């Protein structure tokens, strides 16, 4: 997976590129295609994943199948953390 880090459209704050990339490499990451006309002009996807340090990150991104462009990223909200953990537990019980 390759990332395009040129001309970021958001402030990374305390996040690092490595943290964000690791959240995409999380084998239990949840990737979603939003069902909204707001995102229909250019396909945007959501990624909920954890970095190697355990930080939960919510990202909005687009991809051409080879290159990922992260448009926005922030730590999980409590609801996103709950959703991720529920999906993680479902995968563990299969």
C-alpha atoms as a PDB file:
ATOM      1  CA  UNK A   1       0.000   0.000   0.000  1.00  0.00           C
ATOM      2  CA  UNK A   2       1.413   3.368  -0.968  1.00  0.00           C
ATOM      3  CA  UNK A   3       0.299   6.710   0.400  1.00  0.00           C
ATOM      4  CA  UNK A   4       0.231  10.179  -1.137  1.00  0.00           C
ATOM      5  CA  UNK A   5       1.339  12.624   1.588  1.00  0.00           C
ATOM      6  CA  UNK A   6       1.706  15.677  -0.687  1.00  0.00           C
ATOM      7  CA  UNK A   7      -0.298  18.803   0.195  1.00  0.00           C
ATOM      8  CA  UNK A   8      -2.226  17.455   3.188  1.00  0.00           C
ATOM      9  CA  UNK A   9      -5.696  18.903   3.575  1.00  0.00           C
ATOM     10  CA  UNK A  10      -5.789  18.481   7.377  1.00  0.00           C
ATOM     11  CA  UNK A  11      -3.650  19.159  10.422  1.00  0.00           C
ATOM     12  CA  UNK A  12      -2.061  15.978  11.726  1.00  0.00           C
ATOM     13  CA  UNK A  13      -1.646  17.296  15.264  1.00  0.00           C
ATOM     14  CA  UNK A  14      -0.071  14.564  17.382  1.00  0.00           C
ATOM     15  CA  UNK A  15      -0.633  11.903  14.691  1.00  0.00           C
ATOM     16  CA  UNK A  16       2.244  10.689  12.550  1.00  0.00           C
ATOM     17  CA  UNK A  17       2.245   9.334   9.019  1.00  0.00           C
ATOM     18  CA  UNK A  18       3.424   6.025  10.456  1.00  0.00           C
ATOM     19  CA  UNK A  19       0.439   5.834  12.862  1.00  0.00           C
ATOM     20  CA  UNK A  20      -1.976   6.479  10.009  1.00  0.00           C
ATOM     21  CA  UNK A  21      -0.322   3.965   7.695  1.00  0.00           C
ATOM     22  CA  UNK A  22      -0.341   1.349  10.465  1.00  0.00           C
ATOM     23  CA  UNK A  23      -4.074   1.884  10.995  1.00  0.00           C
ATOM     24  CA  UNK A  24      -4.617   0.872   7.356  1.00  0.00           C
ATOM     25  CA  UNK A  25      -2.430  -2.221   7.859  1.00  0.00           C
ATOM     26  CA  UNK A  26      -4.503  -3.330  10.871  1.00  0.00           C
ATOM     27  CA  UNK A  27      -5.830  -6.798   9.904  1.00  0.00           C
ATOM     28  CA  UNK A  28      -9.066  -5.989  11.778  1.00  0.00           C
ATOM     29  CA  UNK A  29      -9.555  -2.533  10.256  1.00  0.00           C
ATOM     30  CA  UNK A  30     -13.110  -1.726   9.227  1.00  0.00           C
ATOM     31  CA  UNK A  31     -13.417  -0.108   5.803  1.00  0.00           C
ATOM     32  CA  UNK A  32     -16.669   1.452   4.729  1.00  0.00           C
ATOM     33  CA  UNK A  33     -18.069   3.127   1.628  1.00  0.00           C
ATOM     34  CA  UNK A  34     -20.486   5.786   2.877  1.00  0.00           C
ATOM     35  CA  UNK A  35     -23.993   5.622   1.469  1.00  0.00           C
ATOM     36  CA  UNK A  36     -24.462   9.337   0.948  1.00  0.00           C
ATOM     37  CA  UNK A  37     -24.865  11.614  -2.063  1.00  0.00           C
ATOM     38  CA  UNK A  38     -22.378  13.952  -0.348  1.00  0.00           C
ATOM     39  CA  UNK A  39     -19.603  11.506  -1.264  1.00  0.00           C
ATOM     40  CA  UNK A  40     -20.880  10.497  -4.718  1.00  0.00           C
ATOM     41  CA  UNK A  41     -18.898  13.010  -6.815  1.00  0.00           C
ATOM     42  CA  UNK A  42     -15.590  11.402  -5.847  1.00  0.00           C
ATOM     43  CA  UNK A  43     -15.650   8.098  -4.009  1.00  0.00           C
ATOM     44  CA  UNK A  44     -14.465   8.524  -0.463  1.00  0.00           C
ATOM     45  CA  UNK A  45     -14.036   5.717   2.015  1.00  0.00           C
ATOM     46  CA  UNK A  46     -13.806   5.434   5.783  1.00  0.00           C
ATOM     47  CA  UNK A  47     -11.164   3.416   7.611  1.00  0.00           C
ATOM     48  CA  UNK A  48     -11.327   2.558  11.305  1.00  0.00           C
ATOM     49  CA  UNK A  49      -8.116   0.892  12.403  1.00  0.00           C
ATOM     50  CA  UNK A  50      -5.538   0.752  15.150  1.00  0.00           C
ATOM     51  CA  UNK A  51      -1.877   1.705  14.887  1.00  0.00           C
ATOM     52  CA  UNK A  52       0.792  -0.635  16.245  1.00  0.00           C
ATOM     53  CA  UNK A  53       0.766   1.396  19.482  1.00  0.00           C
ATOM     54  CA  UNK A  54      -2.981   0.674  19.855  1.00  0.00           C
ATOM     55  CA  UNK A  55      -4.253   4.144  18.937  1.00  0.00           C
ATOM     56  CA  UNK A  56      -7.650   3.946  17.221  1.00  0.00           C
ATOM     57  CA  UNK A  57      -7.823   6.180  14.147  1.00  0.00           C
ATOM     58  CA  UNK A  58     -10.736   7.222  11.951  1.00  0.00           C
ATOM     59  CA  UNK A  59      -9.686   8.211   8.424  1.00  0.00           C
ATOM     60  CA  UNK A  60     -11.467   9.485   5.347  1.00  0.00           C
ATOM     61  CA  UNK A  61      -9.569   8.608   2.186  1.00  0.00           C
ATOM     62  CA  UNK A  62      -9.759   8.039  -1.530  1.00  0.00           C
ATOM     63  CA  UNK A  63      -7.846   5.582  -3.629  1.00  0.00           C
ATOM     64  CA  UNK A  64      -7.237   4.602  -7.222  1.00  0.00           C
ATOM     65  CA  UNK A  65      -6.451   1.046  -6.148  1.00  0.00           C
ATOM     66  CA  UNK A  66      -2.704   1.659  -5.954  1.00  0.00           C
ATOM     67  CA  UNK A  67      -2.314   4.923  -4.070  1.00  0.00           C
ATOM     68  CA  UNK A  68      -4.161   6.036  -0.920  1.00  0.00           C
ATOM     69  CA  UNK A  69      -4.766   9.724  -0.288  1.00  0.00           C
ATOM     70  CA  UNK A  70      -5.806  10.405   3.305  1.00  0.00           C
ATOM     71  CA  UNK A  71      -8.140  13.411   3.324  1.00  0.00           C
ATOM     72  CA  UNK A  72      -8.761  13.528   7.060  1.00  0.00           C
ATOM     73  CA  UNK A  73      -7.712  11.561  10.129  1.00  0.00           C
ATOM     74  CA  UNK A  74      -8.379  11.794  13.862  1.00  0.00           C
ATOM     75  CA  UNK A  75      -8.503   9.553  16.951  1.00  0.00           C
ATOM     76  CA  UNK A  76     -11.603   7.375  17.469  1.00  0.00           C
ATOM     77  CA  UNK A  77     -14.615   8.868  19.170  1.00  0.00           C
ATOM     78  CA  UNK A  78     -16.066   6.658  21.966  1.00  0.00           C
ATOM     79  CA  UNK A  79     -18.794   5.423  19.561  1.00  0.00           C
ATOM     80  CA  UNK A  80     -16.239   4.524  16.881  1.00  0.00           C
ATOM     81  CA  UNK A  81     -14.119   2.709  19.452  1.00  0.00           C
ATOM     82  CA  UNK A  82     -17.201   0.710  20.521  1.00  0.00           C
ATOM     83  CA  UNK A  83     -18.072  -0.080  16.867  1.00  0.00           C
ATOM     84  CA  UNK A  84     -14.489  -1.188  16.092  1.00  0.00           C
ATOM     85  CA  UNK A  85     -14.323  -3.341  19.222  1.00  0.00           C
ATOM     86  CA  UNK A  86     -17.667  -4.982  18.404  1.00  0.00           C
ATOM     87  CA  UNK A  87     -16.477  -5.845  14.874  1.00  0.00           C
ATOM     88  CA  UNK A  88     -13.155  -7.080  16.289  1.00  0.00           C
ATOM     89  CA  UNK A  89     -14.983  -9.373  18.737  1.00  0.00           C
ATOM     90  CA  UNK A  90     -17.244 -10.689  15.950  1.00  0.00           C
ATOM     91  CA  UNK A  91     -14.194 -11.587  13.865  1.00  0.00           C
ATOM     92  CA  UNK A  92     -12.543 -13.328  16.817  1.00  0.00           C
ATOM     93  CA  UNK A  93     -15.610 -15.505  17.414  1.00  0.00           C
ATOM     94  CA  UNK A  94     -15.847 -16.765  13.830  1.00  0.00           C
END
